[in-house]
Amino acid sequence: MWLAGFAVYVGACNPAIARVRGQVVAVEPVDDEIEICVSGPTDAGSTYGDDTFDDPECWSGVVDDELPSVGDCVTLQVQGESSRLEVEPASGCAAQGE
């Protein structure tokens, strides 16, 4: 019984493994995925992983959202062991001087 409850809890929670915010400097196809690179990267609420980033920081995955344009301030998010890369509009990117 406890295991069934635990499985439901974990499935419902599904926290983001990593989130980063920055100004888009490149959006390019790589194999079957999209690579998005951001400058001025900052942690945007990761629950696991590094809190230091390269500049530019490049993440890739399958993007179902609208692709950002160079210069946009976005938050990128990867989920678990999935190849999904979520892209959300953001504000406060260091590269924008905000």
N, C-alpha and C. Protein backbone atom coordinates (compact mmCIF):
# COMPACT_ATOMS: atom_id res chain seq x y z
N MET A 1 0.82 -1.19 0.00
CA MET A 1 0.00 0.00 0.00
C MET A 1 0.87 1.25 0.00
N TRP A 2 1.89 1.26 0.84
CA TRP A 2 2.76 2.43 0.89
C TRP A 2 3.46 2.65 -0.45
N LEU A 3 3.90 1.58 -1.10
CA LEU A 3 4.57 1.72 -2.38
C LEU A 3 3.65 2.32 -3.43
N ALA A 4 2.40 1.92 -3.44
CA ALA A 4 1.45 2.48 -4.41
C ALA A 4 1.28 3.97 -4.17
N GLY A 5 1.17 4.37 -2.90
CA GLY A 5 1.05 5.79 -2.57
C GLY A 5 2.30 6.57 -2.95
N PHE A 6 3.46 5.95 -2.73
CA PHE A 6 4.72 6.60 -3.08
C PHE A 6 4.81 6.81 -4.59
N ALA A 7 4.41 5.82 -5.37
CA ALA A 7 4.47 5.93 -6.83
C ALA A 7 3.55 7.05 -7.32
N VAL A 8 2.39 7.16 -6.73
CA VAL A 8 1.46 8.23 -7.12
C VAL A 8 2.06 9.59 -6.77
N TYR A 9 2.67 9.69 -5.59
CA TYR A 9 3.28 10.95 -5.16
C TYR A 9 4.40 11.37 -6.12
N VAL A 10 5.28 10.44 -6.45
CA VAL A 10 6.39 10.76 -7.35
C VAL A 10 5.87 11.14 -8.72
N GLY A 11 4.91 10.41 -9.25
CA GLY A 11 4.37 10.70 -10.57
C GLY A 11 3.69 12.06 -10.62
N ALA A 12 3.02 12.45 -9.55
CA ALA A 12 2.31 13.72 -9.53
C ALA A 12 3.27 14.89 -9.36
N CYS A 13 4.37 14.66 -8.68
CA CYS A 13 5.30 15.76 -8.37
C CYS A 13 6.14 16.12 -9.60
N ASN A 14 6.85 15.17 -10.19
CA ASN A 14 7.63 15.33 -11.41
C ASN A 14 8.39 16.66 -11.47
N PRO A 15 9.29 16.92 -10.52
CA PRO A 15 9.99 18.20 -10.51
C PRO A 15 10.95 18.37 -11.68
N ALA A 16 11.24 19.61 -12.03
CA ALA A 16 12.21 19.89 -13.08
C ALA A 16 13.58 19.48 -12.59
N ILE A 17 14.32 18.79 -13.41
CA ILE A 17 15.68 18.42 -13.05
C ILE A 17 16.58 19.65 -13.14
N ALA A 18 16.42 20.45 -14.18
CA ALA A 18 17.29 21.62 -14.34
C ALA A 18 16.55 22.73 -15.07
N ARG A 19 16.75 23.95 -14.60
CA ARG A 19 16.17 25.14 -15.23
C ARG A 19 17.25 26.22 -15.27
N VAL A 20 17.34 26.90 -16.40
CA VAL A 20 18.31 27.98 -16.55
C VAL A 20 17.63 29.13 -17.29
N ARG A 21 17.96 30.36 -16.90
CA ARG A 21 17.42 31.56 -17.57
C ARG A 21 18.59 32.29 -18.22
N GLY A 22 18.34 32.83 -19.43
CA GLY A 22 19.37 33.59 -20.11
C GLY A 22 18.85 34.17 -21.41
N GLN A 23 19.70 34.95 -22.06
CA GLN A 23 19.35 35.58 -23.33
C GLN A 23 19.80 34.68 -24.47
N VAL A 24 18.88 34.38 -25.37
CA VAL A 24 19.15 33.45 -26.48
C VAL A 24 20.20 34.05 -27.43
N VAL A 25 21.24 33.26 -27.70
CA VAL A 25 22.27 33.68 -28.66
C VAL A 25 22.31 32.75 -29.88
N ALA A 26 21.66 31.57 -29.78
CA ALA A 26 21.63 30.65 -30.93
C ALA A 26 20.49 29.65 -30.76
N VAL A 27 19.86 29.32 -31.89
CA VAL A 27 18.83 28.28 -31.95
C VAL A 27 19.13 27.48 -33.21
N GLU A 28 19.53 26.21 -33.04
CA GLU A 28 19.95 25.42 -34.20
C GLU A 28 19.48 23.98 -34.09
N PRO A 29 19.11 23.37 -35.23
CA PRO A 29 18.78 21.95 -35.21
C PRO A 29 20.04 21.11 -35.04
N VAL A 30 19.95 20.06 -34.21
CA VAL A 30 21.04 19.11 -34.03
C VAL A 30 20.40 17.73 -34.06
N ASP A 31 20.65 16.99 -35.12
CA ASP A 31 20.01 15.70 -35.34
C ASP A 31 18.49 15.89 -35.29
N ASP A 32 17.79 15.17 -34.40
CA ASP A 32 16.33 15.27 -34.31
C ASP A 32 15.89 16.23 -33.22
N GLU A 33 16.83 16.99 -32.67
CA GLU A 33 16.53 17.89 -31.57
C GLU A 33 16.87 19.33 -31.95
N ILE A 34 16.58 20.24 -31.03
CA ILE A 34 16.92 21.65 -31.20
C ILE A 34 17.90 22.02 -30.09
N GLU A 35 18.98 22.71 -30.44
CA GLU A 35 19.92 23.21 -29.45
C GLU A 35 19.68 24.71 -29.28
N ILE A 36 19.51 25.13 -28.03
CA ILE A 36 19.31 26.54 -27.71
C ILE A 36 20.43 26.97 -26.78
N CYS A 37 21.14 28.03 -27.16
CA CYS A 37 22.24 28.55 -26.35
C CYS A 37 21.84 29.90 -25.79
N VAL A 38 22.13 30.10 -24.49
CA VAL A 38 21.82 31.37 -23.84
C VAL A 38 23.08 31.96 -23.23
N SER A 39 23.16 33.29 -23.24
CA SER A 39 24.27 33.98 -22.58
C SER A 39 23.77 34.54 -21.25
N GLY A 40 24.69 34.81 -20.34
CA GLY A 40 24.33 35.31 -19.02
C GLY A 40 23.48 34.33 -18.25
N PRO A 41 23.78 33.01 -18.32
CA PRO A 41 22.90 32.01 -17.70
C PRO A 41 22.88 32.11 -16.18
N THR A 42 21.68 31.96 -15.61
CA THR A 42 21.51 31.91 -14.16
C THR A 42 20.56 30.76 -13.83
N ASP A 43 20.73 30.20 -12.65
CA ASP A 43 19.87 29.12 -12.19
C ASP A 43 18.45 29.66 -12.06
N ALA A 44 17.48 28.88 -12.53
CA ALA A 44 16.08 29.31 -12.49
C ALA A 44 15.22 28.32 -11.72
N GLY A 45 15.78 27.75 -10.65
CA GLY A 45 14.99 26.88 -9.80
C GLY A 45 15.25 25.40 -10.01
N SER A 46 16.48 25.02 -10.33
CA SER A 46 16.79 23.61 -10.50
C SER A 46 16.61 22.86 -9.19
N THR A 47 16.16 21.62 -9.30
CA THR A 47 16.04 20.77 -8.12
C THR A 47 17.19 19.78 -8.04
N TYR A 48 18.01 19.75 -9.07
CA TYR A 48 19.11 18.80 -9.13
C TYR A 48 20.11 19.33 -10.15
N GLY A 49 21.37 19.03 -9.94
CA GLY A 49 22.37 19.38 -10.95
C GLY A 49 23.19 20.60 -10.56
N ASP A 50 23.99 21.05 -11.49
CA ASP A 50 24.91 22.16 -11.26
C ASP A 50 24.18 23.48 -11.15
N ASP A 51 24.80 24.40 -10.41
CA ASP A 51 24.29 25.76 -10.39
C ASP A 51 25.32 26.72 -10.97
N THR A 52 26.34 26.15 -11.64
CA THR A 52 27.30 26.95 -12.39
C THR A 52 27.16 26.57 -13.85
N PHE A 53 27.32 27.54 -14.72
CA PHE A 53 27.06 27.32 -16.14
C PHE A 53 28.17 27.90 -17.00
N ASP A 54 28.30 27.34 -18.21
CA ASP A 54 29.19 27.92 -19.21
C ASP A 54 28.50 29.16 -19.78
N ASP A 55 29.25 30.00 -20.43
CA ASP A 55 28.65 31.16 -21.11
C ASP A 55 29.24 31.24 -22.51
N PRO A 56 28.48 30.83 -23.52
CA PRO A 56 27.06 30.50 -23.49
C PRO A 56 26.81 29.09 -22.97
N GLU A 57 25.62 28.89 -22.41
CA GLU A 57 25.15 27.59 -21.95
C GLU A 57 24.22 27.04 -23.03
N CYS A 58 24.49 25.84 -23.52
CA CYS A 58 23.70 25.26 -24.61
C CYS A 58 23.02 23.99 -24.15
N TRP A 59 21.70 23.94 -24.33
CA TRP A 59 20.91 22.76 -24.00
C TRP A 59 20.18 22.32 -25.25
N SER A 60 19.97 21.00 -25.38
CA SER A 60 19.24 20.51 -26.54
C SER A 60 18.17 19.52 -26.12
N GLY A 61 17.17 19.38 -26.97
CA GLY A 61 16.09 18.45 -26.73
C GLY A 61 14.99 18.65 -27.75
N VAL A 62 13.92 17.89 -27.58
CA VAL A 62 12.74 18.02 -28.43
C VAL A 62 11.93 19.17 -27.87
N VAL A 63 11.65 20.17 -28.72
CA VAL A 63 10.93 21.37 -28.29
C VAL A 63 9.54 21.36 -28.90
N ASP A 64 8.52 21.31 -28.04
CA ASP A 64 7.13 21.37 -28.50
C ASP A 64 6.62 22.81 -28.51
N ASP A 65 7.30 23.68 -27.75
CA ASP A 65 6.90 25.07 -27.65
C ASP A 65 7.37 25.84 -28.88
N GLU A 66 6.92 27.08 -29.00
CA GLU A 66 7.40 27.95 -30.07
C GLU A 66 8.88 28.23 -29.83
N LEU A 67 9.66 28.16 -30.89
CA LEU A 67 11.10 28.41 -30.76
C LEU A 67 11.35 29.89 -30.47
N PRO A 68 12.29 30.18 -29.59
CA PRO A 68 12.61 31.57 -29.31
C PRO A 68 13.48 32.15 -30.42
N SER A 69 13.59 33.46 -30.42
CA SER A 69 14.46 34.16 -31.37
C SER A 69 15.71 34.61 -30.63
N VAL A 70 16.79 34.82 -31.38
CA VAL A 70 18.01 35.37 -30.80
C VAL A 70 17.65 36.71 -30.16
N GLY A 71 18.10 36.90 -28.93
CA GLY A 71 17.83 38.13 -28.19
C GLY A 71 16.71 37.98 -27.17
N ASP A 72 15.88 36.94 -27.30
CA ASP A 72 14.80 36.71 -26.33
C ASP A 72 15.39 36.28 -24.99
N CYS A 73 14.72 36.68 -23.91
CA CYS A 73 15.05 36.21 -22.57
C CYS A 73 14.13 35.03 -22.29
N VAL A 74 14.71 33.86 -21.97
CA VAL A 74 13.91 32.65 -21.79
C VAL A 74 14.38 31.86 -20.58
N THR A 75 13.51 30.97 -20.14
CA THR A 75 13.88 29.94 -19.18
C THR A 75 13.80 28.61 -19.92
N LEU A 76 14.88 27.83 -19.84
CA LEU A 76 14.92 26.50 -20.43
C LEU A 76 14.76 25.49 -19.30
N GLN A 77 14.04 24.42 -19.57
CA GLN A 77 13.82 23.40 -18.55
C GLN A 77 13.90 22.01 -19.15
N VAL A 78 14.66 21.14 -18.50
CA VAL A 78 14.68 19.73 -18.88
C VAL A 78 14.04 18.94 -17.76
N GLN A 79 13.39 17.84 -18.14
CA GLN A 79 12.59 17.06 -17.22
C GLN A 79 13.10 15.64 -17.14
N GLY A 80 13.52 15.19 -15.98
CA GLY A 80 13.90 13.80 -15.77
C GLY A 80 14.83 13.25 -16.84
N GLU A 81 14.54 12.04 -17.29
CA GLU A 81 15.36 11.40 -18.31
C GLU A 81 14.75 11.58 -19.69
N SER A 82 13.87 12.51 -19.84
CA SER A 82 13.20 12.78 -21.10
C SER A 82 14.10 13.63 -21.99
N SER A 83 13.81 13.61 -23.28
CA SER A 83 14.56 14.46 -24.20
C SER A 83 13.81 15.77 -24.47
N ARG A 84 12.74 16.03 -23.71
CA ARG A 84 11.96 17.27 -23.89
C ARG A 84 12.73 18.46 -23.34
N LEU A 85 12.69 19.53 -24.07
CA LEU A 85 13.26 20.80 -23.65
C LEU A 85 12.13 21.82 -23.71
N GLU A 86 11.74 22.34 -22.53
CA GLU A 86 10.67 23.32 -22.48
C GLU A 86 11.27 24.72 -22.51
N VAL A 87 10.61 25.61 -23.23
CA VAL A 87 11.07 26.99 -23.39
C VAL A 87 9.95 27.92 -22.94
N GLU A 88 10.26 28.80 -21.97
CA GLU A 88 9.29 29.75 -21.47
C GLU A 88 9.84 31.16 -21.59
N PRO A 89 9.02 32.13 -22.00
CA PRO A 89 9.47 33.52 -21.98
C PRO A 89 9.82 33.93 -20.55
N ALA A 90 10.82 34.76 -20.39
CA ALA A 90 11.26 35.20 -19.07
C ALA A 90 11.65 36.67 -19.12
N SER A 91 11.97 37.21 -17.97
CA SER A 91 12.51 38.57 -17.89
C SER A 91 13.66 38.56 -16.90
N GLY A 92 14.43 39.61 -16.89
CA GLY A 92 15.53 39.72 -15.94
C GLY A 92 16.82 39.08 -16.39
N CYS A 93 17.01 38.90 -17.68
CA CYS A 93 18.26 38.32 -18.15
C CYS A 93 19.39 39.31 -17.97
N ALA A 94 20.49 38.82 -17.42
CA ALA A 94 21.65 39.68 -17.16
C ALA A 94 22.18 40.30 -18.45
N ALA A 95 22.13 39.54 -19.55
CA ALA A 95 22.65 40.04 -20.82
C ALA A 95 21.81 41.18 -21.37
N GLN A 96 20.56 41.32 -20.88
CA GLN A 96 19.71 42.41 -21.32
C GLN A 96 19.92 43.66 -20.48
N GLY A 97 20.71 43.52 -19.42
CA GLY A 97 20.95 44.67 -18.54
C GLY A 97 19.79 44.96 -17.63
N GLU A 98 18.90 43.97 -17.41
CA GLU A 98 17.74 44.19 -16.53
C GLU A 98 18.08 43.85 -15.11
